[in-house]
Amino acid sequence: MDNWVLILGMLAITFAIRYSLFAFPNLSFPPLVRQGLHYVPTAVLTAIVVPGMVMPDGQHWALRLDNAYLLAGLAAIAIAALTRHLLATIGGGLLVFFLLRWALGQLPI
């Protein structure tokens, strides 16, 4: 029963937040809030990706040179900074990741 109350509560909060933008179409945010909202996607993606890079097993820090996740992530950051091209960043990061996994003997094949 507690799970259903929690799920229904999350549903109500999510619906209220999303519906409020449609219910009040003339709603405008102050410039400081708009400026802060500009950084939300970067902050959310960083919070999702970085733990996977530094703790690939989910339990222990792996700040070593044999961590293909960390090295490929750093390479993808460098590619993104240099090219500013999304497809080049994704392709280059994946290529570096799989080459590192192959070079380090970590591929499951």
PDB file of N, CA and C in Angstrom:
ATOM      1  N   MET A   1       0.820  -1.199   0.000  1.00  0.00           N
ATOM      2  CA  MET A   1       0.000   0.000   0.000  1.00  0.00           C
ATOM      3  C   MET A   1       0.864   1.262   0.000  1.00  0.00           C
ATOM      4  N   ASP A   2       1.962   1.241   0.747  1.00  0.00           N
ATOM      5  CA  ASP A   2       2.830   2.411   0.801  1.00  0.00           C
ATOM      6  C   ASP A   2       3.434   2.725  -0.564  1.00  0.00           C
ATOM      7  N   ASN A   3       3.741   1.681  -1.339  1.00  0.00           N
ATOM      8  CA  ASN A   3       4.292   1.899  -2.671  1.00  0.00           C
ATOM      9  C   ASN A   3       3.300   2.631  -3.568  1.00  0.00           C
ATOM     10  N   TRP A   4       2.025   2.249  -3.479  1.00  0.00           N
ATOM     11  CA  TRP A   4       1.014   2.898  -4.310  1.00  0.00           C
ATOM     12  C   TRP A   4       0.824   4.355  -3.915  1.00  0.00           C
ATOM     13  N   VAL A   5       0.883   4.647  -2.627  1.00  0.00           N
ATOM     14  CA  VAL A   5       0.762   6.037  -2.175  1.00  0.00           C
ATOM     15  C   VAL A   5       1.933   6.847  -2.712  1.00  0.00           C
ATOM     16  N   LEU A   6       3.120   6.271  -2.658  1.00  0.00           N
ATOM     17  CA  LEU A   6       4.317   6.951  -3.170  1.00  0.00           C
ATOM     18  C   LEU A   6       4.201   7.188  -4.679  1.00  0.00           C
ATOM     19  N   ILE A   7       3.782   6.184  -5.418  1.00  0.00           N
ATOM     20  CA  ILE A   7       3.640   6.307  -6.872  1.00  0.00           C
ATOM     21  C   ILE A   7       2.588   7.355  -7.222  1.00  0.00           C
ATOM     22  N   LEU A   8       1.450   7.323  -6.547  1.00  0.00           N
ATOM     23  CA  LEU A   8       0.401   8.312  -6.826  1.00  0.00           C
ATOM     24  C   LEU A   8       0.841   9.718  -6.437  1.00  0.00           C
ATOM     25  N   GLY A   9       1.601   9.840  -5.374  1.00  0.00           N
ATOM     26  CA  GLY A   9       2.132  11.154  -4.991  1.00  0.00           C
ATOM     27  C   GLY A   9       3.094  11.694  -6.029  1.00  0.00           C
ATOM     28  N   MET A  10       3.987  10.838  -6.535  1.00  0.00           N
ATOM     29  CA  MET A  10       4.921  11.270  -7.582  1.00  0.00           C
ATOM     30  C   MET A  10       4.164  11.641  -8.848  1.00  0.00           C
ATOM     31  N   LEU A  11       3.113  10.880  -9.169  1.00  0.00           N
ATOM     32  CA  LEU A  11       2.302  11.190 -10.341  1.00  0.00           C
ATOM     33  C   LEU A  11       1.644  12.558 -10.200  1.00  0.00           C
ATOM     34  N   ALA A  12       1.084  12.845  -9.037  1.00  0.00           N
ATOM     35  CA  ALA A  12       0.407  14.125  -8.818  1.00  0.00           C
ATOM     36  C   ALA A  12       1.388  15.291  -8.908  1.00  0.00           C
ATOM     37  N   ILE A  13       2.562  15.155  -8.319  1.00  0.00           N
ATOM     38  CA  ILE A  13       3.550  16.233  -8.360  1.00  0.00           C
ATOM     39  C   ILE A  13       4.041  16.458  -9.772  1.00  0.00           C
ATOM     40  N   THR A  14       4.353  15.378 -10.491  1.00  0.00           N
ATOM     41  CA  THR A  14       4.829  15.505 -11.863  1.00  0.00           C
ATOM     42  C   THR A  14       3.761  16.131 -12.754  1.00  0.00           C
ATOM     43  N   PHE A  15       2.527  15.684 -12.605  1.00  0.00           N
ATOM     44  CA  PHE A  15       1.444  16.248 -13.409  1.00  0.00           C
ATOM     45  C   PHE A  15       1.260  17.733 -13.105  1.00  0.00           C
ATOM     46  N   ALA A  16       1.290  18.108 -11.835  1.00  0.00           N
ATOM     47  CA  ALA A  16       1.086  19.510 -11.456  1.00  0.00           C
ATOM     48  C   ALA A  16       2.186  20.399 -12.026  1.00  0.00           C
ATOM     49  N   ILE A  17       3.418  19.932 -11.980  1.00  0.00           N
ATOM     50  CA  ILE A  17       4.526  20.732 -12.506  1.00  0.00           C
ATOM     51  C   ILE A  17       4.396  20.908 -14.014  1.00  0.00           C
ATOM     52  N   ARG A  18       4.098  19.842 -14.714  1.00  0.00           N
ATOM     53  CA  ARG A  18       4.020  19.927 -16.180  1.00  0.00           C
ATOM     54  C   ARG A  18       2.752  20.644 -16.638  1.00  0.00           C
ATOM     55  N   TYR A  19       1.652  20.442 -15.944  1.00  0.00           N
ATOM     56  CA  TYR A  19       0.402  21.082 -16.335  1.00  0.00           C
ATOM     57  C   TYR A  19       0.440  22.582 -16.078  1.00  0.00           C
ATOM     58  N   SER A  20       1.194  23.002 -15.086  1.00  0.00           N
ATOM     59  CA  SER A  20       1.232  24.429 -14.756  1.00  0.00           C
ATOM     60  C   SER A  20       1.757  25.264 -15.918  1.00  0.00           C
ATOM     61  N   LEU A  21       2.624  24.708 -16.737  1.00  0.00           N
ATOM     62  CA  LEU A  21       3.135  25.447 -17.892  1.00  0.00           C
ATOM     63  C   LEU A  21       2.065  25.636 -18.959  1.00  0.00           C
ATOM     64  N   PHE A  22       1.093  24.708 -19.028  1.00  0.00           N
ATOM     65  CA  PHE A  22      -0.011  24.850 -19.981  1.00  0.00           C
ATOM     66  C   PHE A  22      -1.151  25.673 -19.393  1.00  0.00           C
ATOM     67  N   ALA A  23      -1.363  25.569 -18.095  1.00  0.00           N
ATOM     68  CA  ALA A  23      -2.461  26.291 -17.456  1.00  0.00           C
ATOM     69  C   ALA A  23      -2.201  27.790 -17.409  1.00  0.00           C
ATOM     70  N   PHE A  24      -0.928  28.175 -17.334  1.00  0.00           N
ATOM     71  CA  PHE A  24      -0.562  29.589 -17.274  1.00  0.00           C
ATOM     72  C   PHE A  24       0.367  29.908 -18.446  1.00  0.00           C
ATOM     73  N   PRO A  25      -0.178  30.056 -19.665  1.00  0.00           N
ATOM     74  CA  PRO A  25       0.681  30.230 -20.849  1.00  0.00           C
ATOM     75  C   PRO A  25       1.456  31.551 -20.852  1.00  0.00           C
ATOM     76  N   ASN A  26       0.985  32.546 -20.116  1.00  0.00           N
ATOM     77  CA  ASN A  26       1.677  33.828 -20.091  1.00  0.00           C
ATOM     78  C   ASN A  26       2.697  33.921 -18.964  1.00  0.00           C
ATOM     79  N   LEU A  27       3.000  32.793 -18.367  1.00  0.00           N
ATOM     80  CA  LEU A  27       3.966  32.752 -17.280  1.00  0.00           C
ATOM     81  C   LEU A  27       5.357  33.064 -17.817  1.00  0.00           C
ATOM     82  N   SER A  28       6.041  33.990 -17.205  1.00  0.00           N
ATOM     83  CA  SER A  28       7.408  34.297 -17.632  1.00  0.00           C
ATOM     84  C   SER A  28       8.308  34.296 -16.406  1.00  0.00           C
ATOM     85  N   PHE A  29       9.504  33.819 -16.603  1.00  0.00           N
ATOM     86  CA  PHE A  29      10.466  33.722 -15.517  1.00  0.00           C
ATOM     87  C   PHE A  29      11.359  34.955 -15.501  1.00  0.00           C
ATOM     88  N   PRO A  30      11.841  35.317 -14.327  1.00  0.00           N
ATOM     89  CA  PRO A  30      12.817  36.416 -14.266  1.00  0.00           C
ATOM     90  C   PRO A  30      14.095  36.031 -15.015  1.00  0.00           C
ATOM     91  N   PRO A  31      14.870  37.026 -15.458  1.00  0.00           N
ATOM     92  CA  PRO A  31      16.085  36.730 -16.218  1.00  0.00           C
ATOM     93  C   PRO A  31      17.063  35.825 -15.480  1.00  0.00           C
ATOM     94  N   LEU A  32      17.173  35.969 -14.174  1.00  0.00           N
ATOM     95  CA  LEU A  32      18.109  35.139 -13.409  1.00  0.00           C
ATOM     96  C   LEU A  32      17.689  33.666 -13.447  1.00  0.00           C
ATOM     97  N   VAL A  33      16.384  33.408 -13.353  1.00  0.00           N
ATOM     98  CA  VAL A  33      15.888  32.026 -13.424  1.00  0.00           C
ATOM     99  C   VAL A  33      16.096  31.463 -14.822  1.00  0.00           C
ATOM    100  N   ARG A  34      15.812  32.251 -15.856  1.00  0.00           N
ATOM    101  CA  ARG A  34      16.039  31.786 -17.234  1.00  0.00           C
ATOM    102  C   ARG A  34      17.506  31.459 -17.471  1.00  0.00           C
ATOM    103  N   GLN A  35      18.392  32.285 -16.929  1.00  0.00           N
ATOM    104  CA  GLN A  35      19.827  32.036 -17.071  1.00  0.00           C
ATOM    105  C   GLN A  35      20.217  30.745 -16.351  1.00  0.00           C
ATOM    106  N   GLY A  36      19.642  30.511 -15.175  1.00  0.00           N
ATOM    107  CA  GLY A  36      19.928  29.280 -14.437  1.00  0.00           C
ATOM    108  C   GLY A  36      19.394  28.043 -15.135  1.00  0.00           C
ATOM    109  N   LEU A  37      18.221  28.154 -15.754  1.00  0.00           N
ATOM    110  CA  LEU A  37      17.635  27.019 -16.470  1.00  0.00           C
ATOM    111  C   LEU A  37      18.467  26.615 -17.686  1.00  0.00           C
ATOM    112  N   HIS A  38      19.269  27.532 -18.177  1.00  0.00           N
ATOM    113  CA  HIS A  38      20.131  27.231 -19.319  1.00  0.00           C
ATOM    114  C   HIS A  38      21.145  26.123 -18.981  1.00  0.00           C
ATOM    115  N   TYR A  39      21.533  26.011 -17.715  1.00  0.00           N
ATOM    116  CA  TYR A  39      22.554  25.044 -17.301  1.00  0.00           C
ATOM    117  C   TYR A  39      21.980  23.716 -16.808  1.00  0.00           C
ATOM    118  N   VAL A  40      20.674  23.581 -16.760  1.00  0.00           N
ATOM    119  CA  VAL A  40      20.057  22.360 -16.245  1.00  0.00           C
ATOM    120  C   VAL A  40      20.430  21.112 -17.061  1.00  0.00           C
ATOM    121  N   PRO A  41      20.344  21.114 -18.402  1.00  0.00           N
ATOM    122  CA  PRO A  41      20.698  19.891 -19.142  1.00  0.00           C
ATOM    123  C   PRO A  41      22.140  19.447 -18.899  1.00  0.00           C
ATOM    124  N   THR A  42      23.071  20.386 -18.846  1.00  0.00           N
ATOM    125  CA  THR A  42      24.463  20.039 -18.605  1.00  0.00           C
ATOM    126  C   THR A  42      24.628  19.424 -17.217  1.00  0.00           C
ATOM    127  N   ALA A  43      23.989  20.004 -16.225  1.00  0.00           N
ATOM    128  CA  ALA A  43      24.102  19.488 -14.860  1.00  0.00           C
ATOM    129  C   ALA A  43      23.485  18.098 -14.736  1.00  0.00           C
ATOM    130  N   VAL A  44      22.341  17.884 -15.371  1.00  0.00           N
ATOM    131  CA  VAL A  44      21.679  16.578 -15.287  1.00  0.00           C
ATOM    132  C   VAL A  44      22.506  15.500 -15.987  1.00  0.00           C
ATOM    133  N   LEU A  45      22.999  15.794 -17.203  1.00  0.00           N
ATOM    134  CA  LEU A  45      23.807  14.800 -17.920  1.00  0.00           C
ATOM    135  C   LEU A  45      25.104  14.499 -17.168  1.00  0.00           C
ATOM    136  N   THR A  46      25.705  15.506 -16.572  1.00  0.00           N
ATOM    137  CA  THR A  46      26.925  15.289 -15.792  1.00  0.00           C
ATOM    138  C   THR A  46      26.637  14.388 -14.597  1.00  0.00           C
ATOM    139  N   ALA A  47      25.534  14.620 -13.918  1.00  0.00           N
ATOM    140  CA  ALA A  47      25.178  13.799 -12.758  1.00  0.00           C
ATOM    141  C   ALA A  47      24.886  12.359 -13.143  1.00  0.00           C
ATOM    142  N   ILE A  48      24.447  12.133 -14.367  1.00  0.00           N
ATOM    143  CA  ILE A  48      24.163  10.762 -14.818  1.00  0.00           C
ATOM    144  C   ILE A  48      25.431  10.062 -15.299  1.00  0.00           C
ATOM    145  N   VAL A  49      26.279  10.767 -16.045  1.00  0.00           N
ATOM    146  CA  VAL A  49      27.409  10.135 -16.737  1.00  0.00           C
ATOM    147  C   VAL A  49      28.641   9.966 -15.849  1.00  0.00           C
ATOM    148  N   VAL A  50      28.980  10.956 -15.053  1.00  0.00           N
ATOM    149  CA  VAL A  50      30.244  10.926 -14.299  1.00  0.00           C
ATOM    150  C   VAL A  50      30.325   9.744 -13.326  1.00  0.00           C
ATOM    151  N   PRO A  51      29.281   9.392 -12.572  1.00  0.00           N
ATOM    152  CA  PRO A  51      29.411   8.216 -11.713  1.00  0.00           C
ATOM    153  C   PRO A  51      29.742   6.940 -12.482  1.00  0.00           C
ATOM    154  N   GLY A  52      29.211   6.800 -13.686  1.00  0.00           N
ATOM    155  CA  GLY A  52      29.535   5.625 -14.504  1.00  0.00           C
ATOM    156  C   GLY A  52      30.970   5.628 -14.995  1.00  0.00           C
ATOM    157  N   MET A  53      31.547   6.822 -15.134  1.00  0.00           N
ATOM    158  CA  MET A  53      32.938   6.917 -15.577  1.00  0.00           C
ATOM    159  C   MET A  53      33.911   6.601 -14.447  1.00  0.00           C
ATOM    160  N   VAL A  54      33.652   7.093 -13.257  1.00  0.00           N
ATOM    161  CA  VAL A  54      34.614   6.934 -12.161  1.00  0.00           C
ATOM    162  C   VAL A  54      34.343   5.697 -11.312  1.00  0.00           C
ATOM    163  N   MET A  55      33.140   5.121 -11.418  1.00  0.00           N
ATOM    164  CA  MET A  55      32.808   3.894 -10.695  1.00  0.00           C
ATOM    165  C   MET A  55      32.099   2.926 -11.634  1.00  0.00           C
ATOM    166  N   PRO A  56      32.823   2.320 -12.578  1.00  0.00           N
ATOM    167  CA  PRO A  56      32.152   1.459 -13.564  1.00  0.00           C
ATOM    168  C   PRO A  56      31.461   0.241 -12.957  1.00  0.00           C
ATOM    169  N   ASP A  57      31.946  -0.259 -11.830  1.00  0.00           N
ATOM    170  CA  ASP A  57      31.284  -1.405 -11.205  1.00  0.00           C
ATOM    171  C   ASP A  57      30.170  -0.975 -10.263  1.00  0.00           C
ATOM    172  N   GLY A  58      30.041   0.326 -10.035  1.00  0.00           N
ATOM    173  CA  GLY A  58      28.979   0.851  -9.192  1.00  0.00           C
ATOM    174  C   GLY A  58      29.290   0.867  -7.721  1.00  0.00           C
ATOM    175  N   GLN A  59      30.475   0.402  -7.324  1.00  0.00           N
ATOM    176  CA  GLN A  59      30.785   0.332  -5.896  1.00  0.00           C
ATOM    177  C   GLN A  59      32.131   0.945  -5.533  1.00  0.00           C
ATOM    178  N   HIS A  60      33.121   0.798  -6.397  1.00  0.00           N
ATOM    179  CA  HIS A  60      34.479   1.228  -6.062  1.00  0.00           C
ATOM    180  C   HIS A  60      34.985   2.261  -7.067  1.00  0.00           C
ATOM    181  N   TRP A  61      35.736   3.237  -6.542  1.00  0.00           N
ATOM    182  CA  TRP A  61      36.350   4.235  -7.412  1.00  0.00           C
ATOM    183  C   TRP A  61      37.376   3.558  -8.299  1.00  0.00           C
ATOM    184  N   ALA A  62      37.445   3.957  -9.556  1.00  0.00           N
ATOM    185  CA  ALA A  62      38.405   3.376 -10.500  1.00  0.00           C
ATOM    186  C   ALA A  62      39.119   4.509 -11.235  1.00  0.00           C
ATOM    187  N   LEU A  63      39.915   5.270 -10.506  1.00  0.00           N
ATOM    188  CA  LEU A  63      40.674   6.370 -11.102  1.00  0.00           C
ATOM    189  C   LEU A  63      42.052   5.845 -11.502  1.00  0.00           C
ATOM    190  N   ARG A  64      42.025   4.919 -12.463  1.00  0.00           N
ATOM    191  CA  ARG A  64      43.260   4.272 -12.915  1.00  0.00           C
ATOM    192  C   ARG A  64      43.357   4.370 -14.437  1.00  0.00           C
ATOM    193  N   LEU A  65      44.535   4.090 -14.955  1.00  0.00           N
ATOM    194  CA  LEU A  65      44.746   4.147 -16.399  1.00  0.00           C
ATOM    195  C   LEU A  65      44.174   2.940 -17.136  1.00  0.00           C
ATOM    196  N   ASP A  66      43.675   1.938 -16.420  1.00  0.00           N
ATOM    197  CA  ASP A  66      43.042   0.807 -17.093  1.00  0.00           C
ATOM    198  C   ASP A  66      41.511   0.928 -17.075  1.00  0.00           C
ATOM    199  N   ASN A  67      40.994   2.086 -16.709  1.00  0.00           N
ATOM    200  CA  ASN A  67      39.563   2.338 -16.713  1.00  0.00           C
ATOM    201  C   ASN A  67      39.181   2.934 -18.067  1.00  0.00           C
ATOM    202  N   ALA A  68      38.693   2.087 -18.966  1.00  0.00           N
ATOM    203  CA  ALA A  68      38.334   2.536 -20.313  1.00  0.00           C
ATOM    204  C   ALA A  68      37.173   3.525 -20.284  1.00  0.00           C
ATOM    205  N   TYR A  69      36.278   3.394 -19.321  1.00  0.00           N
ATOM    206  CA  TYR A  69      35.146   4.313 -19.219  1.00  0.00           C
ATOM    207  C   TYR A  69      35.630   5.735 -18.950  1.00  0.00           C
ATOM    208  N   LEU A  70      36.545   5.874 -18.002  1.00  0.00           N
ATOM    209  CA  LEU A  70      37.069   7.191 -17.652  1.00  0.00           C
ATOM    210  C   LEU A  70      37.877   7.795 -18.796  1.00  0.00           C
ATOM    211  N   LEU A  71      38.766   7.016 -19.383  1.00  0.00           N
ATOM    212  CA  LEU A  71      39.605   7.533 -20.456  1.00  0.00           C
ATOM    213  C   LEU A  71      38.792   7.896 -21.695  1.00  0.00           C
ATOM    214  N   ALA A  72      37.816   7.073 -22.039  1.00  0.00           N
ATOM    215  CA  ALA A  72      36.971   7.385 -23.198  1.00  0.00           C
ATOM    216  C   ALA A  72      36.085   8.592 -22.905  1.00  0.00           C
ATOM    217  N   GLY A  73      35.628   8.738 -21.678  1.00  0.00           N
ATOM    218  CA  GLY A  73      34.846   9.912 -21.314  1.00  0.00           C
ATOM    219  C   GLY A  73      35.665  11.183 -21.424  1.00  0.00           C
ATOM    220  N   LEU A  74      36.899  11.127 -20.964  1.00  0.00           N
ATOM    221  CA  LEU A  74      37.784  12.293 -21.086  1.00  0.00           C
ATOM    222  C   LEU A  74      38.088  12.596 -22.553  1.00  0.00           C
ATOM    223  N   ALA A  75      38.257  11.552 -23.354  1.00  0.00           N
ATOM    224  CA  ALA A  75      38.477  11.758 -24.789  1.00  0.00           C
ATOM    225  C   ALA A  75      37.248  12.384 -25.443  1.00  0.00           C
ATOM    226  N   ALA A  76      36.061  11.935 -25.042  1.00  0.00           N
ATOM    227  CA  ALA A  76      34.830  12.507 -25.594  1.00  0.00           C
ATOM    228  C   ALA A  76      34.686  13.981 -25.200  1.00  0.00           C
ATOM    229  N   ILE A  77      35.080  14.312 -23.979  1.00  0.00           N
ATOM    230  CA  ILE A  77      35.047  15.717 -23.553  1.00  0.00           C
ATOM    231  C   ILE A  77      35.998  16.546 -24.409  1.00  0.00           C
ATOM    232  N   ALA A  78      37.188  16.008 -24.669  1.00  0.00           N
ATOM    233  CA  ALA A  78      38.159  16.726 -25.503  1.00  0.00           C
ATOM    234  C   ALA A  78      37.644  16.890 -26.931  1.00  0.00           C
ATOM    235  N   ILE A  79      37.041  15.834 -27.479  1.00  0.00           N
ATOM    236  CA  ILE A  79      36.495  15.910 -28.840  1.00  0.00           C
ATOM    237  C   ILE A  79      35.374  16.952 -28.895  1.00  0.00           C
ATOM    238  N   ALA A  80      34.522  16.963 -27.881  1.00  0.00           N
ATOM    239  CA  ALA A  80      33.425  17.931 -27.847  1.00  0.00           C
ATOM    240  C   ALA A  80      33.958  19.357 -27.758  1.00  0.00           C
ATOM    241  N   ALA A  81      34.993  19.564 -26.956  1.00  0.00           N
ATOM    242  CA  ALA A  81      35.548  20.912 -26.806  1.00  0.00           C
ATOM    243  C   ALA A  81      36.216  21.384 -28.096  1.00  0.00           C
ATOM    244  N   LEU A  82      36.841  20.463 -28.808  1.00  0.00           N
ATOM    245  CA  LEU A  82      37.559  20.840 -30.023  1.00  0.00           C
ATOM    246  C   LEU A  82      36.633  21.003 -31.224  1.00  0.00           C
ATOM    247  N   THR A  83      35.670  20.104 -31.382  1.00  0.00           N
ATOM    248  CA  THR A  83      34.858  20.106 -32.596  1.00  0.00           C
ATOM    249  C   THR A  83      33.504  20.776 -32.440  1.00  0.00           C
ATOM    250  N   ARG A  84      32.928  20.746 -31.234  1.00  0.00           N
ATOM    251  CA  ARG A  84      31.571  21.254 -31.001  1.00  0.00           C
ATOM    252  C   ARG A  84      30.560  20.570 -31.928  1.00  0.00           C
ATOM    253  N   HIS A  85      30.803  19.292 -32.217  1.00  0.00           N
ATOM    254  CA  HIS A  85      29.952  18.522 -33.119  1.00  0.00           C
ATOM    255  C   HIS A  85      29.469  17.285 -32.372  1.00  0.00           C
ATOM    256  N   LEU A  86      28.152  17.150 -32.213  1.00  0.00           N
ATOM    257  CA  LEU A  86      27.582  16.077 -31.409  1.00  0.00           C
ATOM    258  C   LEU A  86      27.911  14.696 -31.966  1.00  0.00           C
ATOM    259  N   LEU A  87      27.741  14.502 -33.265  1.00  0.00           N
ATOM    260  CA  LEU A  87      27.997  13.189 -33.858  1.00  0.00           C
ATOM    261  C   LEU A  87      29.473  12.812 -33.761  1.00  0.00           C
ATOM    262  N   ALA A  88      30.370  13.776 -33.950  1.00  0.00           N
ATOM    263  CA  ALA A  88      31.797  13.501 -33.813  1.00  0.00           C
ATOM    264  C   ALA A  88      32.132  13.122 -32.378  1.00  0.00           C
ATOM    265  N   THR A  89      31.484  13.759 -31.419  1.00  0.00           N
ATOM    266  CA  THR A  89      31.727  13.442 -30.008  1.00  0.00           C
ATOM    267  C   THR A  89      31.266  12.032 -29.679  1.00  0.00           C
ATOM    268  N   ILE A  90      30.071  11.676 -30.109  1.00  0.00           N
ATOM    269  CA  ILE A  90      29.539  10.337 -29.828  1.00  0.00           C
ATOM    270  C   ILE A  90      30.369   9.272 -30.535  1.00  0.00           C
ATOM    271  N   GLY A  91      30.610   9.465 -31.824  1.00  0.00           N
ATOM    272  CA  GLY A  91      31.388   8.483 -32.590  1.00  0.00           C
ATOM    273  C   GLY A  91      32.818   8.362 -32.087  1.00  0.00           C
ATOM    274  N   GLY A  92      33.452   9.497 -31.837  1.00  0.00           N
ATOM    275  CA  GLY A  92      34.832   9.464 -31.342  1.00  0.00           C
ATOM    276  C   GLY A  92      34.932   8.843 -29.960  1.00  0.00           C
ATOM    277  N   GLY A  93      33.989   9.169 -29.079  1.00  0.00           N
ATOM    278  CA  GLY A  93      33.990   8.577 -27.742  1.00  0.00           C
ATOM    279  C   GLY A  93      33.791   7.071 -27.787  1.00  0.00           C
ATOM    280  N   LEU A  94      32.860   6.617 -28.625  1.00  0.00           N
ATOM    281  CA  LEU A  94      32.633   5.171 -28.752  1.00  0.00           C
ATOM    282  C   LEU A  94      33.844   4.468 -29.363  1.00  0.00           C
ATOM    283  N   LEU A  95      34.445   5.090 -30.377  1.00  0.00           N
ATOM    284  CA  LEU A  95      35.621   4.497 -31.003  1.00  0.00           C
ATOM    285  C   LEU A  95      36.766   4.370 -29.995  1.00  0.00           C
ATOM    286  N   VAL A  96      37.027   5.433 -29.249  1.00  0.00           N
ATOM    287  CA  VAL A  96      38.086   5.397 -28.232  1.00  0.00           C
ATOM    288  C   VAL A  96      37.754   4.357 -27.171  1.00  0.00           C
ATOM    289  N   PHE A  97      36.495   4.293 -26.752  1.00  0.00           N
ATOM    290  CA  PHE A  97      36.096   3.330 -25.728  1.00  0.00           C
ATOM    291  C   PHE A  97      36.359   1.895 -26.175  1.00  0.00           C
ATOM    292  N   PHE A  98      35.901   1.538 -27.378  1.00  0.00           N
ATOM    293  CA  PHE A  98      36.079   0.159 -27.830  1.00  0.00           C
ATOM    294  C   PHE A  98      37.533  -0.157 -28.145  1.00  0.00           C
ATOM    295  N   LEU A  99      38.279   0.814 -28.648  1.00  0.00           N
ATOM    296  CA  LEU A  99      39.719   0.575 -28.869  1.00  0.00           C
ATOM    297  C   LEU A  99      40.450   0.373 -27.548  1.00  0.00           C
ATOM    298  N   LEU A 100      40.094   1.143 -26.540  1.00  0.00           N
ATOM    299  CA  LEU A 100      40.707   0.952 -25.220  1.00  0.00           C
ATOM    300  C   LEU A 100      40.328  -0.394 -24.617  1.00  0.00           C
ATOM    301  N   ARG A 101      39.061  -0.764 -24.728  1.00  0.00           N
ATOM    302  CA  ARG A 101      38.641  -2.072 -24.198  1.00  0.00           C
ATOM    303  C   ARG A 101      39.375  -3.206 -24.914  1.00  0.00           C
ATOM    304  N   TRP A 102      39.585  -3.058 -26.222  1.00  0.00           N
ATOM    305  CA  TRP A 102      40.309  -4.081 -26.977  1.00  0.00           C
ATOM    306  C   TRP A 102      41.772  -4.089 -26.564  1.00  0.00           C
ATOM    307  N   ALA A 103      42.393  -2.907 -26.465  1.00  0.00           N
ATOM    308  CA  ALA A 103      43.805  -2.823 -26.112  1.00  0.00           C
ATOM    309  C   ALA A 103      44.062  -3.319 -24.688  1.00  0.00           C
ATOM    310  N   LEU A 104      43.126  -3.094 -23.784  1.00  0.00           N
ATOM    311  CA  LEU A 104      43.304  -3.518 -22.398  1.00  0.00           C
ATOM    312  C   LEU A 104      42.831  -4.953 -22.163  1.00  0.00           C
ATOM    313  N   GLY A 105      42.344  -5.620 -23.205  1.00  0.00           N
ATOM    314  CA  GLY A 105      41.873  -7.005 -23.073  1.00  0.00           C
ATOM    315  C   GLY A 105      40.610  -7.134 -22.247  1.00  0.00           C
ATOM    316  N   GLN A 106      39.720  -6.144 -22.315  1.00  0.00           N
ATOM    317  CA  GLN A 106      38.518  -6.157 -21.508  1.00  0.00           C
ATOM    318  C   GLN A 106      37.258  -6.482 -22.306  1.00  0.00           C
ATOM    319  N   LEU A 107      37.404  -6.774 -23.591  1.00  0.00           N
ATOM    320  CA  LEU A 107      36.226  -7.130 -24.388  1.00  0.00           C
ATOM    321  C   LEU A 107      35.781  -8.543 -24.027  1.00  0.00           C
ATOM    322  N   PRO A 108      34.488  -8.794 -23.911  1.00  0.00           N
ATOM    323  CA  PRO A 108      34.006 -10.121 -23.513  1.00  0.00           C
ATOM    324  C   PRO A 108      34.100 -11.170 -24.608  1.00  0.00           C
ATOM    325  N   ILE A 109      34.618 -10.814 -25.764  1.00  0.00           N
ATOM    326  CA  ILE A 109      34.690 -11.770 -26.890  1.00  0.00           C
ATOM    327  C   ILE A 109      35.867 -12.695 -26.706  1.00  0.00           C
TER     328      ILE A 109
END
